[in-house]
Protein backbone atom coordinates (compact mmCIF):
# COMPACT_ATOMS: atom_id res chain seq x y z
CA MET A 1 79.02 157.72 108.10
CA GLN A 2 77.58 160.77 106.37
CA GLU A 3 79.83 163.80 106.29
CA SER A 4 78.55 166.71 108.40
CA ARG A 5 78.26 170.23 106.99
CA ARG A 6 81.11 171.39 109.22
CA GLU A 7 83.35 168.51 108.11
CA ARG A 8 82.54 169.22 104.48
CA LYS A 9 83.42 172.90 104.86
CA LYS A 10 86.71 172.00 106.55
CA ARG A 11 87.56 169.53 103.79
CA GLU A 12 86.73 172.07 101.10
CA THR A 13 88.83 174.75 102.80
CA ARG A 14 91.74 172.37 103.13
CA GLN A 15 91.49 171.38 99.48
CA ARG A 16 91.26 175.04 98.43
CA ILE A 17 94.49 175.79 100.30
CA VAL A 18 96.23 172.82 98.69
CA MET A 19 95.18 173.79 95.17
CA ALA A 20 96.11 177.45 95.71
CA ALA A 21 99.54 176.40 96.96
CA LEU A 22 100.11 174.10 93.99
CA ARG A 23 99.07 176.78 91.53
CA LEU A 24 101.36 179.42 93.04
CA ILE A 25 104.33 177.09 93.43
CA GLU A 26 103.93 175.94 89.85
CA GLU A 27 103.77 179.53 88.60
CA GLN A 28 106.53 181.17 90.65
CA GLY A 29 108.54 178.43 92.35
CA TYR A 30 108.54 176.84 95.79
CA GLU A 31 111.06 179.15 97.47
CA GLU A 32 109.35 182.28 96.14
CA THR A 33 105.90 181.30 97.36
CA THR A 34 104.93 182.44 100.86
CA VAL A 35 102.26 181.28 103.27
CA ALA A 36 100.67 184.73 103.06
CA GLN A 37 100.36 184.41 99.29
CA ILE A 38 98.85 180.94 99.57
CA ALA A 39 96.33 182.14 102.15
CA ALA A 40 95.34 185.11 99.99
CA ALA A 41 94.94 182.92 96.89
CA ALA A 42 92.78 180.49 98.88
CA ASP A 43 90.75 183.39 100.33
CA VAL A 44 91.56 182.50 103.94
CA ASP A 45 93.39 184.22 106.78
CA PRO A 46 97.03 183.13 107.33
CA LYS A 47 95.94 181.89 110.78
CA THR A 48 93.47 179.61 109.04
CA PHE A 49 96.32 178.19 106.95
CA PHE A 50 98.12 177.16 110.14
CA ASN A 51 94.97 175.51 111.45
CA TYR A 52 95.42 172.99 108.65
CA PHE A 53 99.17 172.91 107.99
CA ARG A 54 102.22 173.52 110.16
CA SER A 55 104.38 174.69 107.26
CA LYS A 56 104.40 175.39 103.55
CA ASP A 57 106.00 172.10 102.59
CA GLU A 58 103.39 170.13 104.54
CA VAL A 59 100.80 171.19 101.95
CA LEU A 60 102.55 168.93 99.44
CA PHE A 61 102.67 165.97 101.80
CA VAL A 62 99.06 165.99 102.96
CA ASP A 63 98.09 163.45 105.65
CA THR A 64 101.36 161.56 105.28
CA GLU A 65 101.70 160.54 108.93
CA ARG A 66 98.10 159.36 109.04
CA ASP A 67 98.72 157.28 105.93
CA PHE A 68 101.87 155.81 107.49
CA ASP A 69 99.84 154.74 110.52
CA VAL A 70 97.45 152.81 108.25
CA LEU A 71 100.38 150.88 106.77
CA LEU A 72 101.94 150.09 110.14
CA ARG A 73 98.66 149.03 111.73
CA ALA A 74 98.04 146.61 108.86
CA ILE A 75 101.30 144.81 109.63
CA ALA A 76 100.64 144.81 113.36
CA ALA A 77 97.31 143.08 112.64
CA ARG A 78 99.09 140.17 110.97
CA ARG A 79 96.91 137.07 110.66
CA PRO A 80 98.30 133.71 111.79
CA GLU A 81 98.15 132.15 108.32
CA GLU A 82 99.84 135.06 106.52
CA SER A 83 103.37 135.03 105.16
CA PRO A 84 105.47 138.23 105.18
CA GLY A 85 104.68 138.81 101.51
CA GLN A 86 100.97 138.34 102.08
CA VAL A 87 101.06 140.81 104.96
CA LEU A 88 102.74 143.41 102.75
CA ALA A 89 100.22 142.83 99.96
CA ARG A 90 97.32 143.26 102.37
CA MET A 91 99.01 146.36 103.77
CA ILE A 92 98.97 148.00 100.33
CA GLY A 93 95.37 146.95 99.79
CA GLU A 94 94.27 148.45 103.10
CA TYR A 95 96.18 151.63 102.34
CA ALA A 96 94.41 151.95 98.98
CA ALA A 97 91.03 151.36 100.60
CA HIS A 98 91.82 154.07 103.15
CA ARG A 99 93.40 156.61 100.84
CA ARG A 100 91.53 156.37 97.57
CA PRO A 101 88.12 157.67 98.78
CA ARG A 102 89.87 160.59 100.50
CA VAL A 103 91.76 161.83 97.46
CA SER A 104 89.84 164.46 95.54
CA ALA A 105 89.47 163.71 91.84
CA ARG A 106 92.26 165.33 89.89
CA GLU A 107 92.94 165.78 86.23
CA PRO A 108 96.25 164.42 84.87
CA GLU A 109 97.63 167.97 84.73
CA GLU A 110 97.05 168.46 88.46
CA LEU A 111 98.66 165.14 89.30
CA SER A 112 101.72 166.00 87.24
CA THR A 113 101.92 169.39 88.95
CA VAL A 114 102.47 167.74 92.32
CA ALA A 115 105.13 165.44 90.88
CA ARG A 116 106.90 168.25 89.02
CA VAL A 117 106.97 170.51 92.07
CA VAL A 118 108.39 167.82 94.37
CA LEU A 119 110.84 166.39 91.84
CA SER A 120 112.16 169.78 90.72
CA THR A 121 112.64 171.33 94.17
CA PRO A 122 115.77 170.15 96.03
CA ALA A 123 114.33 170.86 99.48
CA LEU A 124 111.19 168.87 98.69
CA GLN A 125 113.17 166.08 97.06
CA ALA A 126 115.20 165.77 100.24
CA LYS A 127 112.09 165.78 102.43
CA GLY A 128 110.38 163.18 100.26
CA LEU A 129 113.45 160.93 100.27
CA TYR A 130 113.80 161.23 104.04
CA MET A 131 110.14 160.37 104.55
CA LEU A 132 110.38 157.36 102.22
CA LEU A 133 113.51 156.01 103.93
CA ASP A 134 111.94 156.56 107.34
CA LEU A 135 108.79 154.73 106.25
CA GLN A 136 110.82 151.82 104.88
CA GLN A 137 112.65 151.47 108.19
CA ARG A 138 109.44 151.63 110.20
CA ILE A 139 107.76 149.00 108.01
CA ALA A 140 110.81 146.72 108.20
CA ASP A 141 110.86 147.06 112.00
CA GLU A 142 107.14 146.26 112.17
CA LEU A 143 107.68 143.18 109.99
CA LEU A 144 110.36 141.93 112.36
CA LYS A 145 107.97 142.33 115.28
CA ALA A 146 105.20 140.55 113.37
CA PHE A 147 107.47 137.60 112.47
CA PRO A 148 109.81 137.11 115.44
CA GLY A 149 112.51 134.57 114.66
CA ARG A 150 111.28 134.10 111.09
CA LEU A 151 112.72 137.21 109.44
CA ASP A 152 116.14 138.79 109.76
CA PRO A 153 116.71 142.57 109.44
CA ILE A 154 118.33 142.36 106.00
CA THR A 155 115.50 140.31 104.49
CA ALA A 156 112.86 142.58 106.05
CA ALA A 157 114.65 145.65 104.67
CA ALA A 158 115.00 144.11 101.18
CA MET A 159 111.33 143.10 101.05
CA THR A 160 110.21 146.55 102.16
CA GLY A 161 112.46 148.40 99.73
CA ALA A 162 111.43 146.21 96.80
CA LEU A 163 107.73 146.70 97.50
CA LEU A 164 107.67 150.43 98.18
CA GLY A 165 110.13 151.18 95.38
CA ALA A 166 108.05 149.28 92.83
CA VAL A 167 104.77 150.90 93.86
CA GLN A 168 106.22 154.41 94.06
CA GLN A 169 108.12 154.28 90.78
CA ALA A 170 105.18 152.76 88.89
CA GLY A 171 102.97 155.56 90.20
CA LEU A 172 105.46 158.26 89.26
CA ALA A 173 105.82 156.82 85.77
CA SER A 174 102.04 156.98 85.36
CA VAL A 175 102.03 160.63 86.41
CA ARG A 176 104.84 161.51 84.01
CA LEU A 177 102.88 159.87 81.20
CA GLY A 178 99.94 162.15 81.93
CA ARG A 179 97.57 159.38 82.88
CA SER A 180 94.42 159.80 84.98
CA GLN A 181 94.07 159.20 88.70
CA ASP A 182 92.35 155.85 88.09
CA GLU A 183 95.27 154.85 85.89
CA LEU A 184 97.65 155.98 88.64
CA TRP A 185 96.05 153.54 91.09
CA GLU A 186 96.21 150.80 88.46
CA ALA A 187 99.90 151.54 87.89
CA ALA A 188 100.55 151.25 91.63
CA ARG A 189 98.74 147.90 91.66
CA HIS A 190 100.90 146.74 88.76
CA GLY A 191 103.99 147.81 90.70
CA LEU A 192 102.74 145.71 93.61
CA ASP A 193 102.32 142.70 91.32
CA VAL A 194 105.87 143.07 89.98
CA ALA A 195 107.28 143.31 93.49
CA LEU A 196 105.33 140.29 94.72
CA HIS A 197 106.00 138.00 91.77
CA GLY A 198 109.59 139.02 91.14
CA LEU A 199 111.60 140.36 88.24
CA LEU A 200 111.83 137.01 86.48
CA SER A 201 108.05 136.89 86.08
CA ILE A 202 108.16 139.84 83.64
CA GLU A 203 108.74 138.83 80.04
CA ASN A 204 107.07 141.03 77.44
CA GLY A 205 104.58 143.02 79.51
CA ASP A 206 102.61 145.85 77.94
CA GLY A 207 103.66 148.29 80.66
CA ARG A 208 100.17 149.02 81.85
């Protein structure tokens, strides 16, 4: 469907707030940056900020809950012929198809800004870790519901942790190396391949 003018303006405003927040946090630190400063830098009223985000930290975790729903729905829509591993692989594919068109193009420097801010701020590290652990538990629970009697809780948890850990760490490594957004998606796909095929399948890979 074609984006309406109103939707485009809302998306542009939202993106302007995000970029203003990242710039300020990078320059002066997360704790020192206020919502009022972000709003001023984005040329919006503070009330407008809260129309898009409930808090300052939410700017750095844009649309997370919506993304989580995409992952969980993919598992719930398990096809009769699919194995647990195939369901998880399709889940990542559906997430990429959902998320990739919605992510504004960013230069490597902008991608690394997000990673640096989150990884260097204890409060954001804690939030990110909590969200990741919560997601892993929710995915494992959904797997158990999708495969009643075929999976036990420990196996479901191990599969989920292996998959998400591989994808996340491969993506973070790509960001730290200063690679482009397209290369970031490719790194995540490589992480998926490693998780699906197992550690013993890696011999002398080129790391791409």
